[in-house]
Amino acid sequence: MRKMYDLATETGAQLTTFTLGRSYVVPVFPDWTERVLTLNDLTRALAAQYDAVVVDMWDHPVNSRGNLLSTDRMHFSTSGQAVMASEMVRALAATLARRTP
């Protein structure tokens, strides 16, 4: 992940990322929740190191929606994507507000 952040940083862009939500369940991995929590911790730590905007979806209320995931049960549905986009806009707006005198 660090290599990805390094390459993205070289572009000069404001980096953005998000954590995975708790709505994902993969029964073949009994330790799935722990894996996601570990990944989310790594994502937050890297975001802090690279001054990336991070949207934390783990405890977001959208996780309770019955229609959050698409039919493949791996990706957010259109409404879930809309929530993530809205949250990213909010996070970017807050970042810009802090930078504007």
PDB file of N, CA and C in Angstrom:
ATOM      1  N   MET A   1       0.832  -1.186   0.000  1.00  0.00           N
ATOM      2  CA  MET A   1       0.000   0.000   0.000  1.00  0.00           C
ATOM      3  C   MET A   1       0.876   1.249   0.000  1.00  0.00           C
ATOM      4  N   ARG A   2       2.002   1.165   0.708  1.00  0.00           N
ATOM      5  CA  ARG A   2       2.882   2.333   0.761  1.00  0.00           C
ATOM      6  C   ARG A   2       3.377   2.707  -0.634  1.00  0.00           C
ATOM      7  N   LYS A   3       3.727   1.715  -1.439  1.00  0.00           N
ATOM      8  CA  LYS A   3       4.181   1.991  -2.807  1.00  0.00           C
ATOM      9  C   LYS A   3       3.095   2.729  -3.586  1.00  0.00           C
ATOM     10  N   MET A   4       1.859   2.305  -3.427  1.00  0.00           N
ATOM     11  CA  MET A   4       0.741   2.963  -4.104  1.00  0.00           C
ATOM     12  C   MET A   4       0.635   4.422  -3.653  1.00  0.00           C
ATOM     13  N   TYR A   5       0.744   4.652  -2.348  1.00  0.00           N
ATOM     14  CA  TYR A   5       0.686   6.017  -1.828  1.00  0.00           C
ATOM     15  C   TYR A   5       1.863   6.838  -2.348  1.00  0.00           C
ATOM     16  N   ASP A   6       3.065   6.237  -2.381  1.00  0.00           N
ATOM     17  CA  ASP A   6       4.236   6.951  -2.888  1.00  0.00           C
ATOM     18  C   ASP A   6       4.019   7.382  -4.337  1.00  0.00           C
ATOM     19  N   LEU A   7       3.551   6.468  -5.162  1.00  0.00           N
ATOM     20  CA  LEU A   7       3.318   6.794  -6.572  1.00  0.00           C
ATOM     21  C   LEU A   7       2.243   7.863  -6.729  1.00  0.00           C
ATOM     22  N   ALA A   8       1.183   7.752  -5.964  1.00  0.00           N
ATOM     23  CA  ALA A   8       0.104   8.738  -6.052  1.00  0.00           C
ATOM     24  C   ALA A   8       0.569  10.108  -5.574  1.00  0.00           C
ATOM     25  N   THR A   9       1.399  10.130  -4.532  1.00  0.00           N
ATOM     26  CA  THR A   9       1.901  11.394  -3.997  1.00  0.00           C
ATOM     27  C   THR A   9       2.728  12.135  -5.043  1.00  0.00           C
ATOM     28  N   GLU A  10       3.462  11.397  -5.856  1.00  0.00           N
ATOM     29  CA  GLU A  10       4.305  12.010  -6.886  1.00  0.00           C
ATOM     30  C   GLU A  10       3.497  12.824  -7.899  1.00  0.00           C
ATOM     31  N   THR A  11       2.209  12.562  -8.006  1.00  0.00           N
ATOM     32  CA  THR A  11       1.382  13.307  -8.965  1.00  0.00           C
ATOM     33  C   THR A  11       1.044  14.700  -8.462  1.00  0.00           C
ATOM     34  N   GLY A  12       1.206  14.918  -7.154  1.00  0.00           N
ATOM     35  CA  GLY A  12       0.859  16.210  -6.577  1.00  0.00           C
ATOM     36  C   GLY A  12      -0.611  16.329  -6.202  1.00  0.00           C
ATOM     37  N   ALA A  13      -1.366  15.276  -6.430  1.00  0.00           N
ATOM     38  CA  ALA A  13      -2.802  15.300  -6.134  1.00  0.00           C
ATOM     39  C   ALA A  13      -3.056  15.172  -4.631  1.00  0.00           C
ATOM     40  N   GLN A  14      -4.205  15.661  -4.214  1.00  0.00           N
ATOM     41  CA  GLN A  14      -4.665  15.419  -2.849  1.00  0.00           C
ATOM     42  C   GLN A  14      -5.123  13.978  -2.779  1.00  0.00           C
ATOM     43  N   LEU A  15      -4.485  13.168  -1.947  1.00  0.00           N
ATOM     44  CA  LEU A  15      -4.853  11.765  -1.850  1.00  0.00           C
ATOM     45  C   LEU A  15      -6.125  11.608  -1.026  1.00  0.00           C
ATOM     46  N   THR A  16      -6.950  10.682  -1.449  1.00  0.00           N
ATOM     47  CA  THR A  16      -8.173  10.358  -0.731  1.00  0.00           C
ATOM     48  C   THR A  16      -8.277   8.839  -0.624  1.00  0.00           C
ATOM     49  N   THR A  17      -8.917   8.395   0.442  1.00  0.00           N
ATOM     50  CA  THR A  17      -9.115   6.966   0.630  1.00  0.00           C
ATOM     51  C   THR A  17     -10.304   6.752   1.552  1.00  0.00           C
ATOM     52  N   PHE A  18     -10.661   5.515   1.762  1.00  0.00           N
ATOM     53  CA  PHE A  18     -11.752   5.191   2.676  1.00  0.00           C
ATOM     54  C   PHE A  18     -11.475   3.841   3.319  1.00  0.00           C
ATOM     55  N   THR A  19     -12.056   3.639   4.465  1.00  0.00           N
ATOM     56  CA  THR A  19     -11.981   2.334   5.106  1.00  0.00           C
ATOM     57  C   THR A  19     -13.160   1.490   4.636  1.00  0.00           C
ATOM     58  N   LEU A  20     -13.010   0.200   4.773  1.00  0.00           N
ATOM     59  CA  LEU A  20     -14.106  -0.701   4.424  1.00  0.00           C
ATOM     60  C   LEU A  20     -15.156  -0.687   5.525  1.00  0.00           C
ATOM     61  N   GLY A  21     -16.391  -0.862   5.113  1.00  0.00           N
ATOM     62  CA  GLY A  21     -17.491  -0.907   6.063  1.00  0.00           C
ATOM     63  C   GLY A  21     -17.618  -2.271   6.723  1.00  0.00           C
ATOM     64  N   ARG A  22     -18.384  -2.319   7.784  1.00  0.00           N
ATOM     65  CA  ARG A  22     -18.572  -3.576   8.521  1.00  0.00           C
ATOM     66  C   ARG A  22     -19.638  -4.467   7.899  1.00  0.00           C
ATOM     67  N   SER A  23     -20.219  -4.027   6.811  1.00  0.00           N
ATOM     68  CA  SER A  23     -21.305  -4.800   6.194  1.00  0.00           C
ATOM     69  C   SER A  23     -20.807  -6.019   5.420  1.00  0.00           C
ATOM     70  N   TYR A  24     -19.539  -6.048   5.094  1.00  0.00           N
ATOM     71  CA  TYR A  24     -19.004  -7.164   4.328  1.00  0.00           C
ATOM     72  C   TYR A  24     -18.791  -8.376   5.225  1.00  0.00           C
ATOM     73  N   VAL A  25     -19.215  -9.520   4.747  1.00  0.00           N
ATOM     74  CA  VAL A  25     -19.015 -10.769   5.477  1.00  0.00           C
ATOM     75  C   VAL A  25     -18.559 -11.808   4.459  1.00  0.00           C
ATOM     76  N   VAL A  26     -17.481 -12.488   4.758  1.00  0.00           N
ATOM     77  CA  VAL A  26     -16.971 -13.538   3.884  1.00  0.00           C
ATOM     78  C   VAL A  26     -16.867 -14.810   4.731  1.00  0.00           C
ATOM     79  N   PRO A  27     -17.897 -15.648   4.649  1.00  0.00           N
ATOM     80  CA  PRO A  27     -17.979 -16.820   5.531  1.00  0.00           C
ATOM     81  C   PRO A  27     -16.784 -17.776   5.467  1.00  0.00           C
ATOM     82  N   VAL A  28     -16.093 -17.842   4.332  1.00  0.00           N
ATOM     83  CA  VAL A  28     -14.962 -18.778   4.242  1.00  0.00           C
ATOM     84  C   VAL A  28     -13.770 -18.316   5.075  1.00  0.00           C
ATOM     85  N   PHE A  29     -13.798 -17.073   5.532  1.00  0.00           N
ATOM     86  CA  PHE A  29     -12.741 -16.550   6.400  1.00  0.00           C
ATOM     87  C   PHE A  29     -13.351 -16.225   7.756  1.00  0.00           C
ATOM     88  N   PRO A  30     -13.229 -17.128   8.721  1.00  0.00           N
ATOM     89  CA  PRO A  30     -13.819 -16.863  10.038  1.00  0.00           C
ATOM     90  C   PRO A  30     -13.231 -15.628  10.714  1.00  0.00           C
ATOM     91  N   ASP A  31     -12.026 -15.248  10.316  1.00  0.00           N
ATOM     92  CA  ASP A  31     -11.381 -14.073  10.900  1.00  0.00           C
ATOM     93  C   ASP A  31     -11.540 -12.826  10.019  1.00  0.00           C
ATOM     94  N   TRP A  32     -12.557 -12.816   9.166  1.00  0.00           N
ATOM     95  CA  TRP A  32     -12.752 -11.729   8.211  1.00  0.00           C
ATOM     96  C   TRP A  32     -12.819 -10.363   8.895  1.00  0.00           C
ATOM     97  N   THR A  33     -13.583 -10.263   9.965  1.00  0.00           N
ATOM     98  CA  THR A  33     -13.714  -8.971  10.656  1.00  0.00           C
ATOM     99  C   THR A  33     -12.353  -8.478  11.122  1.00  0.00           C
ATOM    100  N   GLU A  34     -11.550  -9.339  11.694  1.00  0.00           N
ATOM    101  CA  GLU A  34     -10.218  -8.948  12.156  1.00  0.00           C
ATOM    102  C   GLU A  34      -9.343  -8.511  10.995  1.00  0.00           C
ATOM    103  N   ARG A  35      -9.467  -9.197   9.856  1.00  0.00           N
ATOM    104  CA  ARG A  35      -8.695  -8.818   8.666  1.00  0.00           C
ATOM    105  C   ARG A  35      -9.084  -7.407   8.204  1.00  0.00           C
ATOM    106  N   VAL A  36     -10.364  -7.145   8.165  1.00  0.00           N
ATOM    107  CA  VAL A  36     -10.830  -5.825   7.717  1.00  0.00           C
ATOM    108  C   VAL A  36     -10.400  -4.754   8.711  1.00  0.00           C
ATOM    109  N   LEU A  37     -10.509  -5.041   9.997  1.00  0.00           N
ATOM    110  CA  LEU A  37     -10.070  -4.069  11.004  1.00  0.00           C
ATOM    111  C   LEU A  37      -8.581  -3.763  10.863  1.00  0.00           C
ATOM    112  N   THR A  38      -7.782  -4.775  10.582  1.00  0.00           N
ATOM    113  CA  THR A  38      -6.348  -4.574  10.372  1.00  0.00           C
ATOM    114  C   THR A  38      -6.095  -3.715   9.135  1.00  0.00           C
ATOM    115  N   LEU A  39      -6.776  -4.038   8.053  1.00  0.00           N
ATOM    116  CA  LEU A  39      -6.638  -3.241   6.828  1.00  0.00           C
ATOM    117  C   LEU A  39      -7.068  -1.797   7.071  1.00  0.00           C
ATOM    118  N   ASN A  40      -8.168  -1.616   7.781  1.00  0.00           N
ATOM    119  CA  ASN A  40      -8.637  -0.261   8.070  1.00  0.00           C
ATOM    120  C   ASN A  40      -7.630   0.509   8.923  1.00  0.00           C
ATOM    121  N   ASP A  41      -7.020  -0.159   9.894  1.00  0.00           N
ATOM    122  CA  ASP A  41      -5.987   0.490  10.708  1.00  0.00           C
ATOM    123  C   ASP A  41      -4.803   0.912   9.850  1.00  0.00           C
ATOM    124  N   LEU A  42      -4.378   0.035   8.950  1.00  0.00           N
ATOM    125  CA  LEU A  42      -3.284   0.377   8.037  1.00  0.00           C
ATOM    126  C   LEU A  42      -3.663   1.544   7.126  1.00  0.00           C
ATOM    127  N   THR A  43      -4.887   1.530   6.652  1.00  0.00           N
ATOM    128  CA  THR A  43      -5.359   2.608   5.777  1.00  0.00           C
ATOM    129  C   THR A  43      -5.342   3.942   6.515  1.00  0.00           C
ATOM    130  N   ARG A  44      -5.848   3.958   7.730  1.00  0.00           N
ATOM    131  CA  ARG A  44      -5.854   5.202   8.522  1.00  0.00           C
ATOM    132  C   ARG A  44      -4.432   5.692   8.797  1.00  0.00           C
ATOM    133  N   ALA A  45      -3.538   4.768   9.138  1.00  0.00           N
ATOM    134  CA  ALA A  45      -2.158   5.147   9.444  1.00  0.00           C
ATOM    135  C   ALA A  45      -1.457   5.731   8.216  1.00  0.00           C
ATOM    136  N   LEU A  46      -1.615   5.090   7.083  1.00  0.00           N
ATOM    137  CA  LEU A  46      -1.002   5.617   5.859  1.00  0.00           C
ATOM    138  C   LEU A  46      -1.624   6.950   5.465  1.00  0.00           C
ATOM    139  N   ALA A  47      -2.917   7.058   5.603  1.00  0.00           N
ATOM    140  CA  ALA A  47      -3.578   8.322   5.281  1.00  0.00           C
ATOM    141  C   ALA A  47      -3.008   9.452   6.128  1.00  0.00           C
ATOM    142  N   ALA A  48      -2.776   9.183   7.395  1.00  0.00           N
ATOM    143  CA  ALA A  48      -2.205  10.204   8.278  1.00  0.00           C
ATOM    144  C   ALA A  48      -0.789  10.564   7.844  1.00  0.00           C
ATOM    145  N   GLN A  49       0.001   9.569   7.485  1.00  0.00           N
ATOM    146  CA  GLN A  49       1.382   9.820   7.068  1.00  0.00           C
ATOM    147  C   GLN A  49       1.466  10.631   5.778  1.00  0.00           C
ATOM    148  N   TYR A  50       0.496  10.431   4.894  1.00  0.00           N
ATOM    149  CA  TYR A  50       0.523  11.081   3.590  1.00  0.00           C
ATOM    150  C   TYR A  50      -0.449  12.260   3.496  1.00  0.00           C
ATOM    151  N   ASP A  51      -1.011  12.649   4.615  1.00  0.00           N
ATOM    152  CA  ASP A  51      -1.970  13.748   4.657  1.00  0.00           C
ATOM    153  C   ASP A  51      -3.126  13.527   3.679  1.00  0.00           C
ATOM    154  N   ALA A  52      -3.549  12.284   3.593  1.00  0.00           N
ATOM    155  CA  ALA A  52      -4.660  11.931   2.715  1.00  0.00           C
ATOM    156  C   ALA A  52      -5.984  12.155   3.452  1.00  0.00           C
ATOM    157  N   VAL A  53      -6.989  12.483   2.695  1.00  0.00           N
ATOM    158  CA  VAL A  53      -8.342  12.598   3.236  1.00  0.00           C
ATOM    159  C   VAL A  53      -8.896  11.182   3.331  1.00  0.00           C
ATOM    160  N   VAL A  54      -9.343  10.814   4.515  1.00  0.00           N
ATOM    161  CA  VAL A  54      -9.873   9.461   4.702  1.00  0.00           C
ATOM    162  C   VAL A  54     -11.325   9.544   5.163  1.00  0.00           C
ATOM    163  N   VAL A  55     -12.161   8.771   4.517  1.00  0.00           N
ATOM    164  CA  VAL A  55     -13.560   8.642   4.913  1.00  0.00           C
ATOM    165  C   VAL A  55     -13.687   7.290   5.594  1.00  0.00           C
ATOM    166  N   ASP A  56     -14.075   7.322   6.851  1.00  0.00           N
ATOM    167  CA  ASP A  56     -14.162   6.094   7.635  1.00  0.00           C
ATOM    168  C   ASP A  56     -15.568   5.511   7.514  1.00  0.00           C
ATOM    169  N   MET A  57     -15.660   4.403   6.815  1.00  0.00           N
ATOM    170  CA  MET A  57     -16.957   3.766   6.568  1.00  0.00           C
ATOM    171  C   MET A  57     -17.265   2.639   7.546  1.00  0.00           C
ATOM    172  N   TRP A  58     -16.317   2.282   8.426  1.00  0.00           N
ATOM    173  CA  TRP A  58     -16.527   1.127   9.303  1.00  0.00           C
ATOM    174  C   TRP A  58     -17.791   1.267  10.142  1.00  0.00           C
ATOM    175  N   ASP A  59     -17.939   2.374  10.824  1.00  0.00           N
ATOM    176  CA  ASP A  59     -19.095   2.558  11.709  1.00  0.00           C
ATOM    177  C   ASP A  59     -20.156   3.474  11.113  1.00  0.00           C
ATOM    178  N   HIS A  60     -20.057   3.740   9.834  1.00  0.00           N
ATOM    179  CA  HIS A  60     -21.024   4.631   9.199  1.00  0.00           C
ATOM    180  C   HIS A  60     -22.427   4.004   9.252  1.00  0.00           C
ATOM    181  N   PRO A  61     -23.442   4.820   9.501  1.00  0.00           N
ATOM    182  CA  PRO A  61     -24.813   4.293   9.567  1.00  0.00           C
ATOM    183  C   PRO A  61     -25.272   3.574   8.290  1.00  0.00           C
ATOM    184  N   VAL A  62     -24.661   3.860   7.167  1.00  0.00           N
ATOM    185  CA  VAL A  62     -25.067   3.212   5.919  1.00  0.00           C
ATOM    186  C   VAL A  62     -24.880   1.699   5.983  1.00  0.00           C
ATOM    187  N   ASN A  63     -24.004   1.226   6.861  1.00  0.00           N
ATOM    188  CA  ASN A  63     -23.781  -0.217   6.986  1.00  0.00           C
ATOM    189  C   ASN A  63     -25.041  -0.976   7.373  1.00  0.00           C
ATOM    190  N   SER A  64     -26.008  -0.304   7.955  1.00  0.00           N
ATOM    191  CA  SER A  64     -27.242  -0.954   8.398  1.00  0.00           C
ATOM    192  C   SER A  64     -28.279  -1.101   7.289  1.00  0.00           C
ATOM    193  N   ARG A  65     -28.032  -0.513   6.152  1.00  0.00           N
ATOM    194  CA  ARG A  65     -28.989  -0.614   5.049  1.00  0.00           C
ATOM    195  C   ARG A  65     -29.030  -2.024   4.478  1.00  0.00           C
ATOM    196  N   GLY A  66     -30.212  -2.533   4.295  1.00  0.00           N
ATOM    197  CA  GLY A  66     -30.371  -3.856   3.697  1.00  0.00           C
ATOM    198  C   GLY A  66     -29.961  -3.899   2.244  1.00  0.00           C
ATOM    199  N   ASN A  67     -30.028  -2.758   1.570  1.00  0.00           N
ATOM    200  CA  ASN A  67     -29.706  -2.704   0.148  1.00  0.00           C
ATOM    201  C   ASN A  67     -28.340  -2.060  -0.102  1.00  0.00           C
ATOM    202  N   LEU A  68     -27.473  -2.086   0.898  1.00  0.00           N
ATOM    203  CA  LEU A  68     -26.170  -1.428   0.761  1.00  0.00           C
ATOM    204  C   LEU A  68     -25.303  -2.062  -0.312  1.00  0.00           C
ATOM    205  N   LEU A  69     -25.258  -3.386  -0.338  1.00  0.00           N
ATOM    206  CA  LEU A  69     -24.372  -4.068  -1.281  1.00  0.00           C
ATOM    207  C   LEU A  69     -25.092  -4.409  -2.574  1.00  0.00           C
ATOM    208  N   SER A  70     -24.319  -4.434  -3.655  1.00  0.00           N
ATOM    209  CA  SER A  70     -24.875  -4.836  -4.943  1.00  0.00           C
ATOM    210  C   SER A  70     -25.090  -6.343  -4.946  1.00  0.00           C
ATOM    211  N   THR A  71     -25.578  -6.857  -6.027  1.00  0.00           N
ATOM    212  CA  THR A  71     -25.900  -8.282  -6.090  1.00  0.00           C
ATOM    213  C   THR A  71     -24.667  -9.171  -5.968  1.00  0.00           C
ATOM    214  N   ASP A  72     -23.482  -8.645  -6.275  1.00  0.00           N
ATOM    215  CA  ASP A  72     -22.279  -9.467  -6.122  1.00  0.00           C
ATOM    216  C   ASP A  72     -21.838  -9.572  -4.660  1.00  0.00           C
ATOM    217  N   ARG A  73     -22.479  -8.793  -3.770  1.00  0.00           N
ATOM    218  CA  ARG A  73     -22.219  -8.797  -2.333  1.00  0.00           C
ATOM    219  C   ARG A  73     -20.784  -8.389  -1.982  1.00  0.00           C
ATOM    220  N   MET A  74     -20.105  -7.757  -2.954  1.00  0.00           N
ATOM    221  CA  MET A  74     -18.740  -7.295  -2.721  1.00  0.00           C
ATOM    222  C   MET A  74     -18.615  -5.782  -2.841  1.00  0.00           C
ATOM    223  N   HIS A  75     -19.478  -5.177  -3.609  1.00  0.00           N
ATOM    224  CA  HIS A  75     -19.392  -3.747  -3.875  1.00  0.00           C
ATOM    225  C   HIS A  75     -20.659  -3.059  -3.386  1.00  0.00           C
ATOM    226  N   PHE A  76     -20.513  -1.785  -3.048  1.00  0.00           N
ATOM    227  CA  PHE A  76     -21.692  -1.016  -2.666  1.00  0.00           C
ATOM    228  C   PHE A  76     -22.638  -0.899  -3.852  1.00  0.00           C
ATOM    229  N   SER A  77     -23.913  -0.878  -3.558  1.00  0.00           N
ATOM    230  CA  SER A  77     -24.926  -0.612  -4.575  1.00  0.00           C
ATOM    231  C   SER A  77     -24.815   0.855  -4.991  1.00  0.00           C
ATOM    232  N   THR A  78     -25.622   1.258  -5.945  1.00  0.00           N
ATOM    233  CA  THR A  78     -25.610   2.645  -6.390  1.00  0.00           C
ATOM    234  C   THR A  78     -25.876   3.592  -5.231  1.00  0.00           C
ATOM    235  N   SER A  79     -26.828   3.249  -4.377  1.00  0.00           N
ATOM    236  CA  SER A  79     -27.127   4.132  -3.242  1.00  0.00           C
ATOM    237  C   SER A  79     -25.963   4.155  -2.251  1.00  0.00           C
ATOM    238  N   GLY A  80     -25.303   3.028  -2.061  1.00  0.00           N
ATOM    239  CA  GLY A  80     -24.127   2.994  -1.199  1.00  0.00           C
ATOM    240  C   GLY A  80     -22.990   3.837  -1.761  1.00  0.00           C
ATOM    241  N   GLN A  81     -22.800   3.761  -3.072  1.00  0.00           N
ATOM    242  CA  GLN A  81     -21.777   4.587  -3.730  1.00  0.00           C
ATOM    243  C   GLN A  81     -22.103   6.070  -3.582  1.00  0.00           C
ATOM    244  N   ALA A  82     -23.378   6.398  -3.669  1.00  0.00           N
ATOM    245  CA  ALA A  82     -23.793   7.803  -3.515  1.00  0.00           C
ATOM    246  C   ALA A  82     -23.472   8.314  -2.110  1.00  0.00           C
ATOM    247  N   VAL A  83     -23.686   7.476  -1.114  1.00  0.00           N
ATOM    248  CA  VAL A  83     -23.355   7.865   0.266  1.00  0.00           C
ATOM    249  C   VAL A  83     -21.852   8.085   0.384  1.00  0.00           C
ATOM    250  N   MET A  84     -21.061   7.169  -0.162  1.00  0.00           N
ATOM    251  CA  MET A  84     -19.604   7.327  -0.091  1.00  0.00           C
ATOM    252  C   MET A  84     -19.151   8.600  -0.798  1.00  0.00           C
ATOM    253  N   ALA A  85     -19.724   8.875  -1.947  1.00  0.00           N
ATOM    254  CA  ALA A  85     -19.364  10.093  -2.676  1.00  0.00           C
ATOM    255  C   ALA A  85     -19.719  11.327  -1.860  1.00  0.00           C
ATOM    256  N   SER A  86     -20.882  11.329  -1.247  1.00  0.00           N
ATOM    257  CA  SER A  86     -21.294  12.467  -0.407  1.00  0.00           C
ATOM    258  C   SER A  86     -20.349  12.656   0.770  1.00  0.00           C
ATOM    259  N   GLU A  87     -19.963  11.551   1.396  1.00  0.00           N
ATOM    260  CA  GLU A  87     -19.041  11.627   2.528  1.00  0.00           C
ATOM    261  C   GLU A  87     -17.671  12.147   2.085  1.00  0.00           C
ATOM    262  N   MET A  88     -17.222  11.751   0.895  1.00  0.00           N
ATOM    263  CA  MET A  88     -15.941  12.235   0.396  1.00  0.00           C
ATOM    264  C   MET A  88     -16.018  13.730   0.100  1.00  0.00           C
ATOM    265  N   VAL A  89     -17.107  14.179  -0.472  1.00  0.00           N
ATOM    266  CA  VAL A  89     -17.271  15.617  -0.723  1.00  0.00           C
ATOM    267  C   VAL A  89     -17.220  16.377   0.594  1.00  0.00           C
ATOM    268  N   ARG A  90     -17.904  15.878   1.605  1.00  0.00           N
ATOM    269  CA  ARG A  90     -17.863  16.531   2.930  1.00  0.00           C
ATOM    270  C   ARG A  90     -16.443  16.582   3.484  1.00  0.00           C
ATOM    271  N   ALA A  91     -15.745  15.463   3.379  1.00  0.00           N
ATOM    272  CA  ALA A  91     -14.378  15.406   3.909  1.00  0.00           C
ATOM    273  C   ALA A  91     -13.444  16.350   3.144  1.00  0.00           C
ATOM    274  N   LEU A  92     -13.594  16.404   1.838  1.00  0.00           N
ATOM    275  CA  LEU A  92     -12.774  17.320   1.038  1.00  0.00           C
ATOM    276  C   LEU A  92     -13.118  18.774   1.359  1.00  0.00           C
ATOM    277  N   ALA A  93     -14.392  19.067   1.530  1.00  0.00           N
ATOM    278  CA  ALA A  93     -14.803  20.427   1.879  1.00  0.00           C
ATOM    279  C   ALA A  93     -14.215  20.842   3.226  1.00  0.00           C
ATOM    280  N   ALA A  94     -14.220  19.943   4.186  1.00  0.00           N
ATOM    281  CA  ALA A  94     -13.646  20.246   5.495  1.00  0.00           C
ATOM    282  C   ALA A  94     -12.144  20.469   5.386  1.00  0.00           C
ATOM    283  N   THR A  95     -11.484  19.676   4.558  1.00  0.00           N
ATOM    284  CA  THR A  95     -10.041  19.849   4.340  1.00  0.00           C
ATOM    285  C   THR A  95      -9.752  21.203   3.719  1.00  0.00           C
ATOM    286  N   LEU A  96     -10.511  21.564   2.714  1.00  0.00           N
ATOM    287  CA  LEU A  96     -10.321  22.871   2.069  1.00  0.00           C
ATOM    288  C   LEU A  96     -10.611  24.027   3.021  1.00  0.00           C
ATOM    289  N   ALA A  97     -11.619  23.865   3.850  1.00  0.00           N
ATOM    290  CA  ALA A  97     -11.962  24.917   4.809  1.00  0.00           C
ATOM    291  C   ALA A  97     -10.820  25.151   5.793  1.00  0.00           C
ATOM    292  N   ARG A  98     -10.159  24.091   6.205  1.00  0.00           N
ATOM    293  CA  ARG A  98      -9.025  24.224   7.128  1.00  0.00           C
ATOM    294  C   ARG A  98      -7.837  24.914   6.463  1.00  0.00           C
ATOM    295  N   ARG A  99      -7.699  24.765   5.149  1.00  0.00           N
ATOM    296  CA  ARG A  99      -6.576  25.349   4.420  1.00  0.00           C
ATOM    297  C   ARG A  99      -6.820  26.785   3.973  1.00  0.00           C
ATOM    298  N   THR A 100      -8.075  27.198   3.990  1.00  0.00           N
ATOM    299  CA  THR A 100      -8.425  28.538   3.524  1.00  0.00           C
ATOM    300  C   THR A 100      -8.407  29.513   4.674  1.00  0.00           C
ATOM    301  N   PRO A 101      -7.603  30.589   4.541  1.00  0.00           N
ATOM    302  CA  PRO A 101      -7.546  31.561   5.644  1.00  0.00           C
ATOM    303  C   PRO A 101      -8.844  32.321   5.826  1.00  0.00           C
TER     304      PRO A 101
END
